[in-house]
Structure formats: C-alpha cells, structure tokens
Amino acid sequence: MNPGLMKIGVWNVRGLYGKEKLLQEEFKKANVDIAVIPETKKKLKGSQELDDYILLYSGVPRNKRATAGIAIMIKAKFKKRIHSYVFVNERILQLRYVQIANRIFNITSCLCP
C-alpha cells in the first residue's frame, strides 16, 4: 500500500457498550486506519486507548438517556499525528490529523437524526 494512502471506514454499531474490542479486531483484520462510528449510545466524552487503536467518543451527559453518540477510532501507531480533536456535541466529533508533508487532514464525524 502507498504510504500516503489511508483506509477509512464507517460502521454503525447501534450501541458501542462492550463492543470496543470486537470493533478493534475487525478493523485490524481489514487494515482500517481510521473508522467513524455513529450511533454509539455512549455517555460522556473522552478517549480510550485500546491495544491497537485509540477511541475518541462524544456522547450524551451522564444523566440523560443515551440515544445518540459518535466516535472515531484511529490506529494507535498514529497517536503522534493527532493534531487535535473537538467534542462538538453527542452528534458531532472533529479530528485533525497531520498527514505526510505536514498537511492537516480533517475528519468530521456526524450522526443525523
């Protein structure tokens, strides 16, 4: 594969709870570099380091029923290339990634009603 190319995927999980390891295994098999995961139904905002991927997620507040949520998984080996990320709300998450030649690559992950 060309070193400048990346594999990007999308998988609607209809609830992420307890599926993080499974997703990681499937993305690893398919050699996916970055994956957008809508409809996570996850609460709060944050990041989680898995074995081979980093999970960034933006969900609803703790006291609210989890009906939305968005996430992005990126290979852990690219951790130093993450420029920044913004948790806009439970439906929008933005990732800025430094690509070859220091170009910024923007990924905006959205969940529509």
C-alpha atoms as a PDB file:
ATOM      1  CA  MET A   1       0.000   0.000   0.000  1.00  0.00           C
ATOM      2  CA  ASN A   2       1.162   3.511  -0.786  1.00  0.00           C
ATOM      3  CA  PRO A   3       2.483   5.093   2.462  1.00  0.00           C
ATOM      4  CA  GLY A   4       0.473   8.253   1.763  1.00  0.00           C
ATOM      5  CA  LEU A   5      -2.842   6.414   1.485  1.00  0.00           C
ATOM      6  CA  MET A   6      -5.078   5.591   4.428  1.00  0.00           C
ATOM      7  CA  LYS A   7      -8.000   3.216   4.757  1.00  0.00           C
ATOM      8  CA  ILE A   8     -11.014   4.932   6.294  1.00  0.00           C
ATOM      9  CA  GLY A   9     -14.193   3.102   7.262  1.00  0.00           C
ATOM     10  CA  VAL A  10     -17.599   3.622   8.817  1.00  0.00           C
ATOM     11  CA  TRP A  11     -19.524   1.158  10.955  1.00  0.00           C
ATOM     12  CA  ASN A  12     -22.899   1.909  12.550  1.00  0.00           C
ATOM     13  CA  VAL A  13     -22.783  -0.144  15.757  1.00  0.00           C
ATOM     14  CA  ARG A  14     -26.201   0.782  17.242  1.00  0.00           C
ATOM     15  CA  GLY A  15     -24.651   0.886  20.685  1.00  0.00           C
ATOM     16  CA  LEU A  16     -20.945   0.658  21.478  1.00  0.00           C
ATOM     17  CA  TYR A  17     -21.080  -0.664  25.037  1.00  0.00           C
ATOM     18  CA  GLY A  18     -18.860  -3.752  25.279  1.00  0.00           C
ATOM     19  CA  LYS A  19     -18.072  -3.823  21.536  1.00  0.00           C
ATOM     20  CA  GLU A  20     -14.794  -1.891  21.609  1.00  0.00           C
ATOM     21  CA  LYS A  21     -12.533  -4.979  21.445  1.00  0.00           C
ATOM     22  CA  LEU A  22     -14.646  -6.600  18.712  1.00  0.00           C
ATOM     23  CA  LEU A  23     -14.511  -3.453  16.587  1.00  0.00           C
ATOM     24  CA  GLN A  24     -10.768  -3.221  17.106  1.00  0.00           C
ATOM     25  CA  GLU A  25     -10.333  -6.822  15.910  1.00  0.00           C
ATOM     26  CA  GLU A  26     -12.496  -6.267  12.811  1.00  0.00           C
ATOM     27  CA  PHE A  27     -10.765  -3.006  11.882  1.00  0.00           C
ATOM     28  CA  LYS A  28      -7.384  -4.656  12.372  1.00  0.00           C
ATOM     29  CA  LYS A  29      -8.353  -7.562  10.062  1.00  0.00           C
ATOM     30  CA  ALA A  30      -9.486  -5.087   7.392  1.00  0.00           C
ATOM     31  CA  ASN A  31      -6.404  -2.901   7.977  1.00  0.00           C
ATOM     32  CA  VAL A  32      -8.579   0.176   8.623  1.00  0.00           C
ATOM     33  CA  ASP A  33      -6.536   3.184   9.742  1.00  0.00           C
ATOM     34  CA  ILE A  34      -9.372   5.467  10.837  1.00  0.00           C
ATOM     35  CA  ALA A  35     -13.001   4.497  11.452  1.00  0.00           C
ATOM     36  CA  VAL A  36     -16.059   6.640  12.090  1.00  0.00           C
ATOM     37  CA  ILE A  37     -18.569   5.002  14.429  1.00  0.00           C
ATOM     38  CA  PRO A  38     -22.039   6.597  14.560  1.00  0.00           C
ATOM     39  CA  GLU A  39     -24.879   5.793  16.950  1.00  0.00           C
ATOM     40  CA  THR A  40     -22.656   4.666  19.841  1.00  0.00           C
ATOM     41  CA  LYS A  41     -25.248   5.459  22.531  1.00  0.00           C
ATOM     42  CA  LYS A  42     -22.278   6.184  24.769  1.00  0.00           C
ATOM     43  CA  LYS A  43     -22.356   8.625  27.674  1.00  0.00           C
ATOM     44  CA  LEU A  44     -19.880  11.432  28.377  1.00  0.00           C
ATOM     45  CA  LYS A  45     -16.898  12.498  26.257  1.00  0.00           C
ATOM     46  CA  GLY A  46     -13.370  11.193  26.233  1.00  0.00           C
ATOM     47  CA  SER A  47     -10.770   8.866  24.826  1.00  0.00           C
ATOM     48  CA  GLN A  48      -9.803   5.289  25.496  1.00  0.00           C
ATOM     49  CA  GLU A  49      -6.574   3.584  24.478  1.00  0.00           C
ATOM     50  CA  LEU A  50      -7.172   0.049  23.280  1.00  0.00           C
ATOM     51  CA  ASP A  51      -4.395  -2.350  22.254  1.00  0.00           C
ATOM     52  CA  ASP A  52      -4.113  -1.238  18.618  1.00  0.00           C
ATOM     53  CA  TYR A  53      -6.474   1.744  18.371  1.00  0.00           C
ATOM     54  CA  ILE A  54      -7.430   4.932  20.164  1.00  0.00           C
ATOM     55  CA  LEU A  55     -11.156   5.522  20.619  1.00  0.00           C
ATOM     56  CA  LEU A  56     -12.380   9.132  20.733  1.00  0.00           C
ATOM     57  CA  TYR A  57     -16.041   9.438  21.691  1.00  0.00           C
ATOM     58  CA  SER A  58     -18.629  12.127  22.294  1.00  0.00           C
ATOM     59  CA  GLY A  59     -21.872  11.130  23.959  1.00  0.00           C
ATOM     60  CA  VAL A  60     -24.746  12.412  25.983  1.00  0.00           C
ATOM     61  CA  PRO A  61     -24.461  13.679  29.586  1.00  0.00           C
ATOM     62  CA  ARG A  62     -24.478  11.042  32.333  1.00  0.00           C
ATOM     63  CA  ASN A  63     -27.997  11.987  33.498  1.00  0.00           C
ATOM     64  CA  LYS A  64     -29.540  11.745  30.007  1.00  0.00           C
ATOM     65  CA  ARG A  65     -30.817   8.651  28.187  1.00  0.00           C
ATOM     66  CA  ALA A  66     -28.166   7.533  25.671  1.00  0.00           C
ATOM     67  CA  THR A  67     -29.908   7.899  22.320  1.00  0.00           C
ATOM     68  CA  ALA A  68     -27.026   9.316  20.270  1.00  0.00           C
ATOM     69  CA  GLY A  69     -23.251   9.348  20.385  1.00  0.00           C
ATOM     70  CA  ILE A  70     -20.423   9.463  17.875  1.00  0.00           C
ATOM     71  CA  ALA A  71     -16.888   8.066  17.882  1.00  0.00           C
ATOM     72  CA  ILE A  72     -13.710   7.843  15.829  1.00  0.00           C
ATOM     73  CA  MET A  73     -11.151   5.043  16.124  1.00  0.00           C
ATOM     74  CA  ILE A  74      -7.617   5.680  14.883  1.00  0.00           C
ATOM     75  CA  LYS A  75      -4.684   3.274  14.864  1.00  0.00           C
ATOM     76  CA  ALA A  76      -2.556   3.761  17.970  1.00  0.00           C
ATOM     77  CA  LYS A  77       0.602   3.969  15.856  1.00  0.00           C
ATOM     78  CA  PHE A  78      -0.727   7.303  14.536  1.00  0.00           C
ATOM     79  CA  LYS A  79      -1.152   8.811  18.013  1.00  0.00           C
ATOM     80  CA  LYS A  80       1.630  11.365  17.497  1.00  0.00           C
ATOM     81  CA  ARG A  81      -0.032  12.510  14.281  1.00  0.00           C
ATOM     82  CA  ILE A  82      -3.244  13.559  16.052  1.00  0.00           C
ATOM     83  CA  HIS A  83      -3.146  17.338  15.890  1.00  0.00           C
ATOM     84  CA  SER A  84      -6.355  17.949  17.838  1.00  0.00           C
ATOM     85  CA  TYR A  85      -9.941  16.843  18.294  1.00  0.00           C
ATOM     86  CA  VAL A  86     -13.114  18.625  19.319  1.00  0.00           C
ATOM     87  CA  PHE A  87     -16.158  17.123  21.006  1.00  0.00           C
ATOM     88  CA  VAL A  88     -18.796  19.417  19.498  1.00  0.00           C
ATOM     89  CA  ASN A  89     -21.764  17.521  20.947  1.00  0.00           C
ATOM     90  CA  GLU A  90     -23.217  13.988  21.054  1.00  0.00           C
ATOM     91  CA  ARG A  91     -23.725  14.091  17.279  1.00  0.00           C
ATOM     92  CA  ILE A  92     -20.534  15.754  16.006  1.00  0.00           C
ATOM     93  CA  LEU A  93     -16.860  14.926  16.632  1.00  0.00           C
ATOM     94  CA  GLN A  94     -13.977  16.514  14.725  1.00  0.00           C
ATOM     95  CA  LEU A  95     -10.463  15.092  14.343  1.00  0.00           C
ATOM     96  CA  ARG A  96      -7.477  16.946  12.880  1.00  0.00           C
ATOM     97  CA  TYR A  97      -4.716  14.616  11.760  1.00  0.00           C
ATOM     98  CA  VAL A  98      -1.242  15.520  10.435  1.00  0.00           C
ATOM     99  CA  GLN A  99      -0.660  13.736   7.142  1.00  0.00           C
ATOM    100  CA  ILE A 100       2.570  13.437   5.137  1.00  0.00           C
ATOM    101  CA  ALA A 101       4.316  16.762   4.374  1.00  0.00           C
ATOM    102  CA  ASN A 102       2.645  18.260   7.489  1.00  0.00           C
ATOM    103  CA  ARG A 103      -0.689  18.707   5.749  1.00  0.00           C
ATOM    104  CA  ILE A 104      -3.686  18.704   8.084  1.00  0.00           C
ATOM    105  CA  PHE A 105      -6.405  16.164   7.321  1.00  0.00           C
ATOM    106  CA  ASN A 106      -9.817  16.959   8.865  1.00  0.00           C
ATOM    107  CA  ILE A 107     -12.392  14.304   9.650  1.00  0.00           C
ATOM    108  CA  THR A 108     -15.805  15.401  10.873  1.00  0.00           C
ATOM    109  CA  SER A 109     -17.932  12.574  12.167  1.00  0.00           C
ATOM    110  CA  CYS A 110     -21.675  13.290  12.270  1.00  0.00           C
ATOM    111  CA  LEU A 111     -24.781  11.418  13.379  1.00  0.00           C
ATOM    112  CA  CYS A 112     -28.003  12.603  11.759  1.00  0.00           C
ATOM    113  CA  PRO A 113     -31.332  12.149  13.482  1.00  0.00           C
END
